[in-house]
C-alpha atoms as a PDB file:
ATOM      1  CA  MET A   1     -23.719  36.255   1.879  1.00  0.00           C
ATOM      2  CA  ALA A   2     -20.679  36.337  -0.404  1.00  0.00           C
ATOM      3  CA  PRO A   3     -19.748  33.150  -2.279  1.00  0.00           C
ATOM      4  CA  VAL A   4     -16.707  31.292  -0.967  1.00  0.00           C
ATOM      5  CA  SER A   5     -14.009  30.630  -3.508  1.00  0.00           C
ATOM      6  CA  ALA A   6     -13.616  26.918  -4.231  1.00  0.00           C
ATOM      7  CA  MET A   7      -9.859  27.320  -4.025  1.00  0.00           C
ATOM      8  CA  THR A   8      -9.888  28.690  -0.478  1.00  0.00           C
ATOM      9  CA  SER A   9     -12.414  26.204   0.854  1.00  0.00           C
ATOM     10  CA  MET A  10     -10.748  23.024  -0.440  1.00  0.00           C
ATOM     11  CA  VAL A  11      -9.490  20.574   2.157  1.00  0.00           C
ATOM     12  CA  PHE A  12      -7.074  17.884   1.069  1.00  0.00           C
ATOM     13  CA  ILE A  13      -7.007  14.649   3.007  1.00  0.00           C
ATOM     14  CA  ARG A  14      -4.184  12.402   1.935  1.00  0.00           C
ATOM     15  CA  SER A  15      -4.724   8.788   1.065  1.00  0.00           C
ATOM     16  CA  GLN A  16      -2.396   6.135   2.408  1.00  0.00           C
ATOM     17  CA  LEU A  17      -0.823   2.933   1.177  1.00  0.00           C
ATOM     18  CA  SER A  18      -0.782  -0.154   3.412  1.00  0.00           C
ATOM     19  CA  PRO A  19       1.434  -2.946   2.060  1.00  0.00           C
ATOM     20  CA  GLY A  20       1.600  -6.513   3.232  1.00  0.00           C
ATOM     21  CA  ALA A  21       4.900  -8.344   3.705  1.00  0.00           C
ATOM     22  CA  VAL A  22       7.260  -7.510   0.834  1.00  0.00           C
ATOM     23  CA  GLU A  23      10.376  -9.293  -0.429  1.00  0.00           C
ATOM     24  CA  THR A  24      13.100  -6.824   0.528  1.00  0.00           C
ATOM     25  CA  GLU A  25      16.636  -7.152   1.839  1.00  0.00           C
ATOM     26  CA  ARG A  26      15.251  -6.755   5.377  1.00  0.00           C
ATOM     27  CA  MET A  27      13.293 -10.018   5.323  1.00  0.00           C
ATOM     28  CA  PRO A  28      16.362 -12.293   5.598  1.00  0.00           C
ATOM     29  CA  LEU A  29      17.594 -10.145   8.474  1.00  0.00           C
ATOM     30  CA  ARG A  30      14.441 -11.006  10.386  1.00  0.00           C
ATOM     31  CA  PHE A  31      13.914 -14.610   9.267  1.00  0.00           C
ATOM     32  CA  GLY A  32      17.456 -15.761   8.446  1.00  0.00           C
ATOM     33  CA  THR A  33      16.780 -16.435   4.755  1.00  0.00           C
ATOM     34  CA  MET A  34      14.287 -15.279   2.141  1.00  0.00           C
ATOM     35  CA  LYS A  35      13.112 -18.878   1.834  1.00  0.00           C
ATOM     36  CA  LYS A  36      12.227 -18.912   5.542  1.00  0.00           C
ATOM     37  CA  ALA A  37      10.481 -15.533   5.217  1.00  0.00           C
ATOM     38  CA  ARG A  38       8.365 -16.929   2.374  1.00  0.00           C
ATOM     39  CA  GLN A  39       7.528 -20.042   4.403  1.00  0.00           C
ATOM     40  CA  VAL A  40       6.499 -18.064   7.485  1.00  0.00           C
ATOM     41  CA  MET A  41       4.847 -14.986   5.994  1.00  0.00           C
ATOM     42  CA  GLY A  42       3.487 -16.280   2.680  1.00  0.00           C
ATOM     43  CA  PRO A  43       0.641 -18.333   4.223  1.00  0.00           C
ATOM     44  CA  LYS A  44      -0.508 -15.301   6.228  1.00  0.00           C
ATOM     45  CA  HIS A  45      -1.637 -13.695   2.948  1.00  0.00           C
ATOM     46  CA  LEU A  46      -4.588 -14.883   0.854  1.00  0.00           C
ATOM     47  CA  LEU A  47      -2.336 -15.005  -2.205  1.00  0.00           C
ATOM     48  CA  GLU A  48       0.047 -17.210  -0.167  1.00  0.00           C
ATOM     49  CA  ARG A  49       3.125 -15.256  -1.164  1.00  0.00           C
ATOM     50  CA  LEU A  50       5.078 -12.141  -0.316  1.00  0.00           C
ATOM     51  CA  GLY A  51       4.604  -8.998  -2.345  1.00  0.00           C
ATOM     52  CA  MET A  52       7.244  -7.726  -4.720  1.00  0.00           C
ATOM     53  CA  PRO A  53       8.669  -4.205  -4.385  1.00  0.00           C
ATOM     54  CA  GLU A  54       7.464  -3.418  -7.927  1.00  0.00           C
ATOM     55  CA  GLU A  55       3.865  -4.161  -6.900  1.00  0.00           C
ATOM     56  CA  ILE A  56       4.020  -1.689  -4.017  1.00  0.00           C
ATOM     57  CA  ALA A  57       5.796   0.879  -6.197  1.00  0.00           C
ATOM     58  CA  ALA A  58       3.025   0.663  -8.812  1.00  0.00           C
ATOM     59  CA  ALA A  59       0.405   1.408  -6.156  1.00  0.00           C
ATOM     60  CA  ALA A  60       2.471   4.335  -4.831  1.00  0.00           C
ATOM     61  CA  LEU A  61       2.791   5.727  -8.354  1.00  0.00           C
ATOM     62  CA  PHE A  62      -0.977   5.476  -8.760  1.00  0.00           C
ATOM     63  CA  LEU A  63      -1.531   7.477  -5.565  1.00  0.00           C
ATOM     64  CA  ALA A  64       0.968  10.096  -6.720  1.00  0.00           C
ATOM     65  CA  SER A  65      -0.535  10.363 -10.196  1.00  0.00           C
ATOM     66  CA  ASP A  66      -3.458  12.270 -11.662  1.00  0.00           C
ATOM     67  CA  ALA A  67      -5.276   8.927 -11.912  1.00  0.00           C
ATOM     68  CA  SER A  68      -6.031   9.204  -8.189  1.00  0.00           C
ATOM     69  CA  SER A  69      -7.114  12.848  -8.336  1.00  0.00           C
ATOM     70  CA  PHE A  70     -10.662  12.065  -7.143  1.00  0.00           C
ATOM     71  CA  MET A  71      -9.436   9.787  -4.358  1.00  0.00           C
ATOM     72  CA  THR A  72      -9.009  11.234  -0.886  1.00  0.00           C
ATOM     73  CA  GLY A  73      -8.853   9.908   2.658  1.00  0.00           C
ATOM     74  CA  SER A  74      -8.582   6.303   1.493  1.00  0.00           C
ATOM     75  CA  ASN A  75      -6.386   3.445   2.627  1.00  0.00           C
ATOM     76  CA  LEU A  76      -5.151   1.509  -0.389  1.00  0.00           C
ATOM     77  CA  LEU A  77      -4.506  -2.050   0.800  1.00  0.00           C
ATOM     78  CA  VAL A  78      -1.812  -3.684  -1.307  1.00  0.00           C
ATOM     79  CA  ASP A  79      -1.354  -6.618   1.020  1.00  0.00           C
ATOM     80  CA  GLY A  80      -2.028  -9.802  -0.930  1.00  0.00           C
ATOM     81  CA  GLY A  81      -5.167 -10.358   1.123  1.00  0.00           C
ATOM     82  CA  TYR A  82      -3.480 -10.151   4.541  1.00  0.00           C
ATOM     83  CA  ASN A  83      -6.323  -8.074   5.978  1.00  0.00           C
ATOM     84  CA  ALA A  84      -8.965 -10.284   4.384  1.00  0.00           C
ATOM     85  CA  VAL A  85      -7.870 -13.404   6.272  1.00  0.00           C
END
């Protein structure tokens, strides 16, 4: 039986990023004000606050970088503990 080239037999399964509620310009559209969004959504997270766009961006950069080269098929929860509650 002939050996199979590692390059032709590789299967790439993408990882995903699952953020919690994040302070964006859309939050006041839903809740009226950012203050109200923080009051309503903050307590739903273990960290008791909304995430910042920079925190989600840092996780996305990690997934796009060589630092995650041995990571595949994973769900990176960047949700301030929302799924842990």
